[in-house]
Amino acid sequence: MTGLYNRAYLEDNRDRINTEQNLPLSVIFADINGLKMTNDIFGHSAGDKLIQETAQILMGACRGDDIVVRVGGDECVILMPNTEREGAKQAISRIKGGFLDAKVEAVRCSVSLGSDTKINGEESFEQIMINAENIMYRDKAMNRGSIDRDIIKTIVETLHIKNPRQREHSIRVKRISKRLVLALGLSAQELDKLERASYLHDK
């Protein structure tokens, strides 16, 4: 579906990849954000498009000798032979740039990323993989709130395009809620929460 190598390829070629000739060997872990929500709301065909779009962006950010592997439903690994840490950071920047305008079914595509680099033969390749994956999960955890908000925002915008009257209703309820909060003298934080809740109340 993606044109990427699979986990079996990685396992079968681990020893060929993990060699002195390939050092420094950088590893980038990428996890697709919002795949489950895309599947649940827009269907699995949209989820497949999200995976395919991600695969194209990852491959476009890599060089000829780099290897891109899909290791799970929403996870990919990029193996970069003869690449220092700075080279991996540059690849991550290219990946992020590729996602700036990427959308599937009005959902903005994005990935969480983490990397590590094997410098010498004494380091464990497996541990480098684990380190890169853990950094990716930290990136995902730190940005989870903004990722979820972006997905919800694009879904609401899509619904409002299809039903302009629903958008006007949401705006009216939001205005009423704001006046209520101000009359009660609640905090700015409570105002923000209630405005968002009132805007999304019928979704």
N, C-alpha and C. Protein backbone atom coordinates (compact mmCIF):
# COMPACT_ATOMS: atom_id res chain seq x y z
N MET A 1 0.82 -1.21 0.00
CA MET A 1 0.00 0.00 0.00
C MET A 1 0.86 1.27 0.00
N THR A 2 2.01 1.21 0.66
CA THR A 2 2.83 2.41 0.82
C THR A 2 4.08 2.42 -0.04
N GLY A 3 4.52 1.26 -0.49
CA GLY A 3 5.80 1.18 -1.19
C GLY A 3 6.99 1.13 -0.24
N LEU A 4 6.73 1.08 1.08
CA LEU A 4 7.79 1.01 2.08
C LEU A 4 8.14 -0.44 2.38
N TYR A 5 9.34 -0.65 2.92
CA TYR A 5 9.69 -1.96 3.45
C TYR A 5 8.84 -2.23 4.69
N ASN A 6 8.70 -3.53 5.06
CA ASN A 6 7.93 -3.89 6.24
C ASN A 6 8.85 -4.38 7.36
N ARG A 7 8.24 -4.72 8.50
CA ARG A 7 9.02 -5.13 9.67
C ARG A 7 9.85 -6.38 9.36
N ALA A 8 9.31 -7.31 8.57
CA ALA A 8 10.04 -8.53 8.24
C ALA A 8 11.34 -8.20 7.51
N TYR A 9 11.30 -7.20 6.63
CA TYR A 9 12.51 -6.78 5.93
C TYR A 9 13.55 -6.29 6.93
N LEU A 10 13.12 -5.50 7.90
CA LEU A 10 14.05 -4.97 8.91
C LEU A 10 14.69 -6.10 9.70
N GLU A 11 13.89 -7.07 10.11
CA GLU A 11 14.41 -8.18 10.89
C GLU A 11 15.38 -9.02 10.06
N ASP A 12 15.03 -9.25 8.80
CA ASP A 12 15.87 -10.08 7.93
C ASP A 12 17.19 -9.41 7.57
N ASN A 13 17.21 -8.08 7.56
CA ASN A 13 18.40 -7.34 7.12
C ASN A 13 19.10 -6.59 8.24
N ARG A 14 18.73 -6.90 9.47
CA ARG A 14 19.30 -6.19 10.62
C ARG A 14 20.82 -6.26 10.62
N ASP A 15 21.38 -7.45 10.40
CA ASP A 15 22.84 -7.62 10.47
C ASP A 15 23.53 -6.89 9.31
N ARG A 16 22.89 -6.82 8.16
CA ARG A 16 23.47 -6.12 7.02
C ARG A 16 23.48 -4.61 7.24
N ILE A 17 22.47 -4.12 7.97
CA ILE A 17 22.36 -2.69 8.23
C ILE A 17 23.28 -2.27 9.38
N ASN A 18 23.34 -3.12 10.41
CA ASN A 18 24.08 -2.81 11.62
C ASN A 18 25.55 -3.22 11.47
N THR A 19 26.29 -2.47 10.66
CA THR A 19 27.70 -2.78 10.41
C THR A 19 28.58 -1.57 10.67
N GLU A 20 29.88 -1.83 10.83
CA GLU A 20 30.85 -0.75 11.04
C GLU A 20 30.86 0.21 9.85
N GLN A 21 30.69 -0.34 8.64
CA GLN A 21 30.74 0.49 7.43
C GLN A 21 29.62 1.53 7.40
N ASN A 22 28.53 1.28 8.11
CA ASN A 22 27.38 2.19 8.10
C ASN A 22 27.42 3.23 9.22
N LEU A 23 28.44 3.15 10.09
CA LEU A 23 28.52 4.10 11.20
C LEU A 23 29.05 5.45 10.73
N PRO A 24 28.57 6.54 11.32
CA PRO A 24 27.46 6.59 12.29
C PRO A 24 26.13 6.24 11.63
N LEU A 25 25.30 5.50 12.35
CA LEU A 25 24.01 5.04 11.85
C LEU A 25 22.90 5.72 12.65
N SER A 26 22.13 6.58 11.99
CA SER A 26 21.05 7.30 12.67
C SER A 26 19.71 6.59 12.43
N VAL A 27 18.87 6.66 13.44
CA VAL A 27 17.54 6.05 13.40
C VAL A 27 16.51 7.12 13.73
N ILE A 28 15.48 7.23 12.91
CA ILE A 28 14.36 8.13 13.18
C ILE A 28 13.09 7.32 13.31
N PHE A 29 12.38 7.51 14.40
CA PHE A 29 11.05 6.89 14.58
C PHE A 29 10.00 7.94 14.26
N ALA A 30 8.98 7.54 13.51
CA ALA A 30 7.87 8.43 13.16
C ALA A 30 6.55 7.74 13.47
N ASP A 31 5.66 8.44 14.15
CA ASP A 31 4.35 7.90 14.50
C ASP A 31 3.27 8.84 13.94
N ILE A 32 2.36 8.30 13.15
CA ILE A 32 1.32 9.11 12.50
C ILE A 32 0.31 9.57 13.55
N ASN A 33 0.08 10.87 13.63
CA ASN A 33 -0.88 11.41 14.57
C ASN A 33 -2.30 11.34 14.00
N GLY A 34 -3.25 10.96 14.85
CA GLY A 34 -4.66 11.02 14.48
C GLY A 34 -5.15 9.95 13.53
N LEU A 35 -4.39 8.85 13.36
CA LEU A 35 -4.82 7.82 12.42
C LEU A 35 -6.12 7.16 12.88
N LYS A 36 -6.20 6.81 14.17
CA LYS A 36 -7.42 6.15 14.66
C LYS A 36 -8.64 7.07 14.52
N MET A 37 -8.48 8.35 14.87
CA MET A 37 -9.60 9.28 14.76
C MET A 37 -10.02 9.46 13.30
N THR A 38 -9.04 9.49 12.40
CA THR A 38 -9.35 9.60 10.98
C THR A 38 -10.14 8.39 10.51
N ASN A 39 -9.70 7.19 10.92
CA ASN A 39 -10.42 5.97 10.57
C ASN A 39 -11.84 5.98 11.12
N ASP A 40 -11.99 6.40 12.39
CA ASP A 40 -13.29 6.36 13.05
C ASP A 40 -14.28 7.34 12.43
N ILE A 41 -13.80 8.52 12.04
CA ILE A 41 -14.70 9.58 11.58
C ILE A 41 -14.89 9.56 10.06
N PHE A 42 -13.80 9.37 9.32
CA PHE A 42 -13.87 9.46 7.86
C PHE A 42 -13.80 8.11 7.16
N GLY A 43 -13.53 7.04 7.92
CA GLY A 43 -13.46 5.71 7.32
C GLY A 43 -12.04 5.26 7.03
N HIS A 44 -11.88 3.96 6.84
CA HIS A 44 -10.54 3.39 6.67
C HIS A 44 -9.90 3.80 5.35
N SER A 45 -10.70 4.15 4.34
CA SER A 45 -10.10 4.61 3.09
C SER A 45 -9.35 5.92 3.32
N ALA A 46 -9.91 6.79 4.17
CA ALA A 46 -9.22 8.03 4.52
C ALA A 46 -7.97 7.73 5.34
N GLY A 47 -8.08 6.76 6.25
CA GLY A 47 -6.91 6.35 7.03
C GLY A 47 -5.80 5.82 6.14
N ASP A 48 -6.18 5.06 5.12
CA ASP A 48 -5.18 4.54 4.17
C ASP A 48 -4.51 5.69 3.41
N LYS A 49 -5.29 6.70 3.05
CA LYS A 49 -4.72 7.87 2.36
C LYS A 49 -3.73 8.60 3.27
N LEU A 50 -4.06 8.67 4.56
CA LEU A 50 -3.18 9.32 5.52
C LEU A 50 -1.85 8.56 5.62
N ILE A 51 -1.92 7.24 5.66
CA ILE A 51 -0.71 6.42 5.70
C ILE A 51 0.11 6.60 4.43
N GLN A 52 -0.56 6.60 3.28
CA GLN A 52 0.14 6.76 2.00
C GLN A 52 0.78 8.13 1.88
N GLU A 53 0.06 9.17 2.32
CA GLU A 53 0.62 10.53 2.28
C GLU A 53 1.85 10.63 3.17
N THR A 54 1.78 10.02 4.35
CA THR A 54 2.92 10.01 5.26
C THR A 54 4.11 9.31 4.64
N ALA A 55 3.87 8.17 4.02
CA ALA A 55 4.96 7.41 3.38
C ALA A 55 5.65 8.25 2.31
N GLN A 56 4.87 8.98 1.50
CA GLN A 56 5.45 9.81 0.45
C GLN A 56 6.31 10.93 1.03
N ILE A 57 5.83 11.54 2.11
CA ILE A 57 6.59 12.62 2.73
C ILE A 57 7.89 12.10 3.33
N LEU A 58 7.82 10.96 4.00
CA LEU A 58 9.03 10.38 4.61
C LEU A 58 10.06 10.03 3.53
N MET A 59 9.61 9.40 2.46
CA MET A 59 10.55 9.02 1.40
C MET A 59 11.13 10.27 0.72
N GLY A 60 10.29 11.30 0.57
CA GLY A 60 10.76 12.53 -0.06
C GLY A 60 11.80 13.26 0.76
N ALA A 61 11.81 13.02 2.07
CA ALA A 61 12.76 13.69 2.96
C ALA A 61 14.07 12.93 3.10
N CYS A 62 14.14 11.74 2.49
CA CYS A 62 15.32 10.88 2.66
C CYS A 62 16.23 10.89 1.44
N ARG A 63 17.44 10.37 1.63
CA ARG A 63 18.40 10.24 0.55
C ARG A 63 18.31 8.84 -0.05
N GLY A 64 19.07 8.60 -1.09
CA GLY A 64 18.99 7.33 -1.79
C GLY A 64 19.38 6.12 -0.95
N ASP A 65 20.34 6.30 -0.03
CA ASP A 65 20.81 5.17 0.78
C ASP A 65 19.97 4.95 2.04
N ASP A 66 19.09 5.86 2.36
CA ASP A 66 18.27 5.71 3.56
C ASP A 66 17.20 4.64 3.33
N ILE A 67 16.79 4.00 4.41
CA ILE A 67 15.80 2.93 4.33
C ILE A 67 14.60 3.31 5.19
N VAL A 68 13.41 3.34 4.58
CA VAL A 68 12.18 3.67 5.29
C VAL A 68 11.36 2.40 5.46
N VAL A 69 11.03 2.07 6.71
CA VAL A 69 10.34 0.82 7.03
C VAL A 69 9.06 1.13 7.79
N ARG A 70 7.96 0.56 7.37
CA ARG A 70 6.72 0.65 8.14
C ARG A 70 6.70 -0.54 9.10
N VAL A 71 6.86 -0.25 10.40
CA VAL A 71 6.99 -1.31 11.38
C VAL A 71 5.68 -1.62 12.10
N GLY A 72 4.66 -0.79 11.89
CA GLY A 72 3.36 -1.00 12.52
C GLY A 72 2.29 -0.24 11.76
N GLY A 73 1.07 -0.28 12.25
CA GLY A 73 -0.03 0.38 11.58
C GLY A 73 0.21 1.87 11.39
N ASP A 74 0.74 2.53 12.43
CA ASP A 74 0.96 3.98 12.34
C ASP A 74 2.40 4.37 12.64
N GLU A 75 3.32 3.42 12.64
CA GLU A 75 4.71 3.70 12.96
C GLU A 75 5.65 3.34 11.82
N CYS A 76 6.62 4.22 11.59
CA CYS A 76 7.66 3.99 10.58
C CYS A 76 9.03 4.25 11.20
N VAL A 77 10.04 3.60 10.64
CA VAL A 77 11.43 3.81 11.07
C VAL A 77 12.25 4.17 9.84
N ILE A 78 13.09 5.18 10.00
CA ILE A 78 14.03 5.56 8.94
C ILE A 78 15.44 5.22 9.43
N LEU A 79 16.15 4.41 8.65
CA LEU A 79 17.53 4.05 8.96
C LEU A 79 18.44 4.83 8.02
N MET A 80 19.39 5.57 8.60
CA MET A 80 20.22 6.49 7.82
C MET A 80 21.70 6.15 8.01
N PRO A 81 22.26 5.34 7.10
CA PRO A 81 23.69 4.97 7.21
C PRO A 81 24.58 6.20 7.01
N ASN A 82 25.73 6.16 7.70
CA ASN A 82 26.75 7.23 7.56
C ASN A 82 26.15 8.61 7.78
N THR A 83 25.35 8.72 8.84
CA THR A 83 24.66 9.98 9.13
C THR A 83 24.85 10.37 10.59
N GLU A 84 25.46 11.53 10.81
CA GLU A 84 25.65 12.05 12.17
C GLU A 84 24.31 12.53 12.73
N ARG A 85 24.32 12.88 14.02
CA ARG A 85 23.10 13.37 14.68
C ARG A 85 22.54 14.61 13.95
N GLU A 86 23.45 15.47 13.51
CA GLU A 86 23.00 16.68 12.83
C GLU A 86 22.27 16.34 11.53
N GLY A 87 22.75 15.32 10.84
CA GLY A 87 22.08 14.89 9.62
C GLY A 87 20.68 14.38 9.89
N ALA A 88 20.51 13.67 11.01
CA ALA A 88 19.18 13.18 11.40
C ALA A 88 18.27 14.35 11.74
N LYS A 89 18.82 15.37 12.42
CA LYS A 89 18.01 16.56 12.75
C LYS A 89 17.56 17.28 11.47
N GLN A 90 18.45 17.34 10.49
CA GLN A 90 18.09 17.98 9.23
C GLN A 90 16.98 17.20 8.52
N ALA A 91 17.07 15.87 8.59
CA ALA A 91 16.02 15.04 7.98
C ALA A 91 14.68 15.27 8.68
N ILE A 92 14.71 15.38 10.00
CA ILE A 92 13.49 15.66 10.75
C ILE A 92 12.89 17.00 10.34
N SER A 93 13.75 17.99 10.14
CA SER A 93 13.26 19.29 9.68
C SER A 93 12.61 19.19 8.31
N ARG A 94 13.20 18.39 7.42
CA ARG A 94 12.61 18.20 6.09
C ARG A 94 11.26 17.50 6.20
N ILE A 95 11.16 16.52 7.08
CA ILE A 95 9.90 15.80 7.28
C ILE A 95 8.82 16.76 7.78
N LYS A 96 9.17 17.56 8.80
CA LYS A 96 8.20 18.52 9.33
C LYS A 96 7.76 19.51 8.25
N GLY A 97 8.69 19.93 7.42
CA GLY A 97 8.35 20.84 6.33
C GLY A 97 7.39 20.20 5.34
N GLY A 98 7.57 18.90 5.10
CA GLY A 98 6.70 18.20 4.17
C GLY A 98 5.28 18.08 4.66
N PHE A 99 5.09 18.16 5.98
CA PHE A 99 3.75 18.03 6.55
C PHE A 99 3.02 19.36 6.72
N LEU A 100 3.68 20.47 6.43
CA LEU A 100 3.07 21.77 6.70
C LEU A 100 1.74 21.96 6.01
N ASP A 101 1.63 21.53 4.76
CA ASP A 101 0.40 21.74 4.00
C ASP A 101 -0.30 20.44 3.64
N ALA A 102 0.09 19.34 4.30
CA ALA A 102 -0.48 18.04 3.95
C ALA A 102 -1.81 17.82 4.67
N LYS A 103 -2.84 17.46 3.90
CA LYS A 103 -4.16 17.20 4.47
C LYS A 103 -4.80 15.98 3.82
N VAL A 104 -5.60 15.27 4.60
CA VAL A 104 -6.41 14.16 4.11
C VAL A 104 -7.80 14.34 4.68
N GLU A 105 -8.80 14.46 3.82
CA GLU A 105 -10.18 14.66 4.27
C GLU A 105 -10.29 15.83 5.26
N ALA A 106 -9.60 16.91 4.96
CA ALA A 106 -9.60 18.13 5.77
C ALA A 106 -8.84 17.98 7.08
N VAL A 107 -8.30 16.79 7.37
CA VAL A 107 -7.50 16.60 8.58
C VAL A 107 -6.05 16.88 8.24
N ARG A 108 -5.44 17.80 8.98
CA ARG A 108 -4.03 18.13 8.73
C ARG A 108 -3.15 16.98 9.18
N CYS A 109 -2.33 16.49 8.28
CA CYS A 109 -1.46 15.36 8.57
C CYS A 109 -0.27 15.83 9.43
N SER A 110 0.14 14.97 10.35
CA SER A 110 1.33 15.28 11.15
C SER A 110 1.89 13.98 11.73
N VAL A 111 3.14 14.04 12.16
CA VAL A 111 3.78 12.89 12.79
C VAL A 111 4.53 13.35 14.03
N SER A 112 4.68 12.43 14.97
CA SER A 112 5.58 12.64 16.10
C SER A 112 6.90 11.97 15.76
N LEU A 113 8.02 12.60 16.13
CA LEU A 113 9.33 12.14 15.68
C LEU A 113 10.33 12.04 16.83
N GLY A 114 11.23 11.08 16.71
CA GLY A 114 12.33 10.94 17.65
C GLY A 114 13.51 10.29 16.96
N SER A 115 14.73 10.59 17.39
CA SER A 115 15.90 10.02 16.72
C SER A 115 17.03 9.75 17.71
N ASP A 116 17.92 8.85 17.30
CA ASP A 116 19.15 8.62 18.03
C ASP A 116 20.18 8.11 17.02
N THR A 117 21.47 8.14 17.41
CA THR A 117 22.53 7.79 16.47
C THR A 117 23.52 6.83 17.13
N LYS A 118 23.82 5.77 16.42
CA LYS A 118 24.86 4.82 16.85
C LYS A 118 26.20 5.31 16.32
N ILE A 119 27.12 5.62 17.23
CA ILE A 119 28.40 6.21 16.86
C ILE A 119 29.48 5.15 16.68
N ASN A 120 29.50 4.14 17.55
CA ASN A 120 30.56 3.13 17.49
C ASN A 120 29.98 1.73 17.63
N GLY A 121 30.81 0.75 17.31
CA GLY A 121 30.37 -0.65 17.29
C GLY A 121 30.01 -1.21 18.64
N GLU A 122 30.47 -0.58 19.72
CA GLU A 122 30.17 -1.09 21.05
C GLU A 122 28.74 -0.78 21.48
N GLU A 123 28.11 0.20 20.85
CA GLU A 123 26.74 0.55 21.19
C GLU A 123 25.77 -0.47 20.62
N SER A 124 24.70 -0.71 21.35
CA SER A 124 23.69 -1.67 20.92
C SER A 124 22.73 -1.02 19.92
N PHE A 125 22.59 -1.66 18.77
CA PHE A 125 21.65 -1.17 17.77
C PHE A 125 20.23 -1.19 18.31
N GLU A 126 19.90 -2.25 19.07
CA GLU A 126 18.57 -2.36 19.67
C GLU A 126 18.30 -1.21 20.63
N GLN A 127 19.32 -0.82 21.40
CA GLN A 127 19.13 0.28 22.36
C GLN A 127 18.96 1.61 21.64
N ILE A 128 19.67 1.80 20.54
CA ILE A 128 19.50 3.02 19.74
C ILE A 128 18.08 3.11 19.22
N MET A 129 17.54 1.97 18.76
CA MET A 129 16.15 1.92 18.29
C MET A 129 15.19 2.29 19.42
N ILE A 130 15.43 1.72 20.60
CA ILE A 130 14.57 2.00 21.76
C ILE A 130 14.65 3.47 22.14
N ASN A 131 15.86 4.03 22.13
CA ASN A 131 16.03 5.45 22.48
C ASN A 131 15.24 6.35 21.53
N ALA A 132 15.36 6.08 20.22
CA ALA A 132 14.65 6.88 19.22
C ALA A 132 13.14 6.77 19.41
N GLU A 133 12.67 5.56 19.70
CA GLU A 133 11.23 5.36 19.91
C GLU A 133 10.75 6.10 21.15
N ASN A 134 11.52 6.03 22.23
CA ASN A 134 11.13 6.72 23.47
C ASN A 134 11.09 8.23 23.28
N ILE A 135 12.05 8.79 22.54
CA ILE A 135 12.04 10.23 22.27
C ILE A 135 10.81 10.59 21.44
N MET A 136 10.45 9.74 20.49
CA MET A 136 9.24 9.97 19.68
C MET A 136 8.00 10.00 20.57
N TYR A 137 7.91 9.06 21.51
CA TYR A 137 6.74 9.02 22.39
C TYR A 137 6.68 10.25 23.29
N ARG A 138 7.86 10.76 23.72
CA ARG A 138 7.87 11.99 24.50
C ARG A 138 7.37 13.16 23.67
N ASP A 139 7.79 13.20 22.41
CA ASP A 139 7.32 14.24 21.49
C ASP A 139 5.81 14.16 21.33
N LYS A 140 5.29 12.96 21.20
CA LYS A 140 3.84 12.77 21.04
C LYS A 140 3.09 13.21 22.29
N ALA A 141 3.63 12.84 23.47
CA ALA A 141 2.97 13.20 24.73
C ALA A 141 2.96 14.71 24.94
N MET A 142 4.07 15.38 24.61
CA MET A 142 4.18 16.82 24.82
C MET A 142 3.23 17.60 23.92
N ASN A 143 2.95 17.05 22.74
CA ASN A 143 2.13 17.79 21.77
C ASN A 143 0.73 17.21 21.60
N ARG A 144 0.36 16.26 22.45
CA ARG A 144 -0.93 15.59 22.28
C ARG A 144 -2.10 16.57 22.30
N GLY A 145 -2.06 17.53 23.22
CA GLY A 145 -3.17 18.48 23.32
C GLY A 145 -3.36 19.28 22.06
N SER A 146 -2.27 19.82 21.52
CA SER A 146 -2.38 20.64 20.31
C SER A 146 -2.76 19.79 19.11
N ILE A 147 -2.27 18.55 19.06
CA ILE A 147 -2.62 17.65 17.96
C ILE A 147 -4.11 17.36 17.96
N ASP A 148 -4.65 17.01 19.14
CA ASP A 148 -6.08 16.72 19.25
C ASP A 148 -6.92 17.94 18.90
N ARG A 149 -6.48 19.13 19.35
CA ARG A 149 -7.23 20.35 19.04
C ARG A 149 -7.25 20.63 17.54
N ASP A 150 -6.10 20.40 16.88
CA ASP A 150 -6.04 20.62 15.43
C ASP A 150 -7.00 19.69 14.70
N ILE A 151 -7.04 18.42 15.13
CA ILE A 151 -7.91 17.44 14.47
C ILE A 151 -9.37 17.82 14.68
N ILE A 152 -9.73 18.16 15.93
CA ILE A 152 -11.12 18.55 16.21
C ILE A 152 -11.50 19.79 15.43
N LYS A 153 -10.57 20.75 15.35
CA LYS A 153 -10.85 22.00 14.63
C LYS A 153 -11.14 21.73 13.15
N THR A 154 -10.33 20.88 12.52
CA THR A 154 -10.54 20.61 11.10
C THR A 154 -11.83 19.83 10.87
N ILE A 155 -12.18 18.95 11.81
CA ILE A 155 -13.44 18.21 11.67
C ILE A 155 -14.63 19.15 11.79
N VAL A 156 -14.58 20.06 12.77
CA VAL A 156 -15.66 21.03 12.94
C VAL A 156 -15.78 21.93 11.72
N GLU A 157 -14.64 22.38 11.19
CA GLU A 157 -14.67 23.23 9.99
C GLU A 157 -15.31 22.50 8.81
N THR A 158 -15.00 21.22 8.69
CA THR A 158 -15.59 20.43 7.61
C THR A 158 -17.09 20.32 7.77
N LEU A 159 -17.55 20.08 9.00
CA LEU A 159 -18.99 19.99 9.26
C LEU A 159 -19.69 21.32 8.99
N HIS A 160 -19.04 22.42 9.34
CA HIS A 160 -19.65 23.74 9.14
C HIS A 160 -19.73 24.11 7.66
N ILE A 161 -18.76 23.66 6.88
CA ILE A 161 -18.83 23.91 5.43
C ILE A 161 -20.04 23.19 4.85
N LYS A 162 -20.30 21.98 5.35
CA LYS A 162 -21.43 21.21 4.86
C LYS A 162 -22.76 21.74 5.40
N ASN A 163 -22.72 22.41 6.56
CA ASN A 163 -23.95 22.89 7.20
C ASN A 163 -23.73 24.28 7.79
N PRO A 164 -23.81 25.33 6.97
CA PRO A 164 -23.56 26.71 7.45
C PRO A 164 -24.50 27.13 8.58
N ARG A 165 -25.75 26.65 8.58
CA ARG A 165 -26.69 27.02 9.64
C ARG A 165 -26.20 26.51 10.99
N GLN A 166 -25.58 25.34 11.01
CA GLN A 166 -25.03 24.80 12.25
C GLN A 166 -23.90 25.69 12.76
N ARG A 167 -23.11 26.23 11.86
CA ARG A 167 -22.02 27.13 12.25
C ARG A 167 -22.59 28.38 12.91
N GLU A 168 -23.62 28.99 12.31
CA GLU A 168 -24.23 30.18 12.89
C GLU A 168 -24.81 29.90 14.27
N HIS A 169 -25.41 28.72 14.42
CA HIS A 169 -25.97 28.34 15.72
C HIS A 169 -24.86 28.23 16.77
N SER A 170 -23.75 27.61 16.40
CA SER A 170 -22.62 27.45 17.33
C SER A 170 -22.07 28.80 17.75
N ILE A 171 -21.98 29.73 16.81
CA ILE A 171 -21.46 31.07 17.12
C ILE A 171 -22.39 31.80 18.09
N ARG A 172 -23.70 31.67 17.87
CA ARG A 172 -24.67 32.34 18.76
C ARG A 172 -24.58 31.79 20.18
N VAL A 173 -24.50 30.47 20.31
CA VAL A 173 -24.39 29.86 21.64
C VAL A 173 -23.09 30.28 22.32
N LYS A 174 -22.01 30.39 21.56
CA LYS A 174 -20.73 30.82 22.10
C LYS A 174 -20.82 32.24 22.64
N ARG A 175 -21.51 33.14 21.91
CA ARG A 175 -21.66 34.53 22.36
C ARG A 175 -22.49 34.60 23.64
N ILE A 176 -23.55 33.83 23.71
CA ILE A 176 -24.40 33.82 24.91
C ILE A 176 -23.60 33.33 26.11
N SER A 177 -22.82 32.26 25.90
CA SER A 177 -22.01 31.70 26.98
C SER A 177 -21.00 32.71 27.49
N LYS A 178 -20.40 33.48 26.57
CA LYS A 178 -19.42 34.50 26.97
C LYS A 178 -20.07 35.56 27.85
N ARG A 179 -21.26 36.01 27.47
CA ARG A 179 -21.95 37.03 28.27
C ARG A 179 -22.29 36.48 29.65
N LEU A 180 -22.65 35.20 29.70
CA LEU A 180 -22.98 34.57 30.98
C LEU A 180 -21.77 34.50 31.89
N VAL A 181 -20.62 34.11 31.33
CA VAL A 181 -19.39 34.02 32.12
C VAL A 181 -18.98 35.39 32.65
N LEU A 182 -19.06 36.41 31.81
CA LEU A 182 -18.69 37.76 32.23
C LEU A 182 -19.62 38.26 33.33
N ALA A 183 -20.92 37.93 33.21
CA ALA A 183 -21.88 38.35 34.23
C ALA A 183 -21.61 37.68 35.56
N LEU A 184 -21.13 36.45 35.53
CA LEU A 184 -20.84 35.71 36.76
C LEU A 184 -19.45 36.04 37.33
N GLY A 185 -18.66 36.76 36.56
CA GLY A 185 -17.34 37.15 37.04
C GLY A 185 -16.35 36.01 37.10
N LEU A 186 -16.50 35.04 36.23
CA LEU A 186 -15.58 33.90 36.22
C LEU A 186 -14.25 34.27 35.58
N SER A 187 -13.25 33.40 35.74
CA SER A 187 -11.89 33.68 35.26
C SER A 187 -11.80 33.54 33.74
N ALA A 188 -10.69 34.06 33.21
CA ALA A 188 -10.44 33.96 31.77
C ALA A 188 -10.31 32.50 31.34
N GLN A 189 -9.74 31.67 32.23
CA GLN A 189 -9.60 30.24 31.92
C GLN A 189 -10.97 29.58 31.80
N GLU A 190 -11.87 29.92 32.74
CA GLU A 190 -13.22 29.36 32.69
C GLU A 190 -13.96 29.86 31.44
N LEU A 191 -13.72 31.11 31.08
CA LEU A 191 -14.33 31.67 29.88
C LEU A 191 -13.88 30.89 28.64
N ASP A 192 -12.58 30.61 28.57
CA ASP A 192 -12.05 29.88 27.41
C ASP A 192 -12.66 28.49 27.32
N LYS A 193 -12.76 27.81 28.46
CA LYS A 193 -13.33 26.46 28.48
C LYS A 193 -14.79 26.47 28.03
N LEU A 194 -15.55 27.40 28.57
CA LEU A 194 -16.98 27.44 28.25
C LEU A 194 -17.21 27.86 26.80
N GLU A 195 -16.40 28.78 26.29
CA GLU A 195 -16.54 29.18 24.89
C GLU A 195 -16.30 27.99 23.96
N ARG A 196 -15.26 27.22 24.26
CA ARG A 196 -14.97 26.07 23.41
C ARG A 196 -16.07 25.01 23.53
N ALA A 197 -16.54 24.78 24.76
CA ALA A 197 -17.59 23.78 24.96
C ALA A 197 -18.89 24.18 24.27
N SER A 198 -19.24 25.45 24.35
CA SER A 198 -20.48 25.92 23.74
C SER A 198 -20.39 25.86 22.21
N TYR A 199 -19.20 26.14 21.68
CA TYR A 199 -19.02 26.12 20.23
C TYR A 199 -19.14 24.69 19.68
N LEU A 200 -18.71 23.72 20.49
CA LEU A 200 -18.70 22.33 20.04
C LEU A 200 -19.88 21.52 20.57
N HIS A 201 -20.83 22.15 21.23
CA HIS A 201 -21.83 21.41 21.99
C HIS A 201 -22.69 20.50 21.17
N ASP A 202 -22.92 20.78 19.90
CA ASP A 202 -23.77 19.94 19.06
C ASP A 202 -22.99 18.98 18.18
N LYS A 203 -21.64 18.93 18.32
CA LYS A 203 -20.84 18.13 17.39
C LYS A 203 -20.89 16.66 17.76
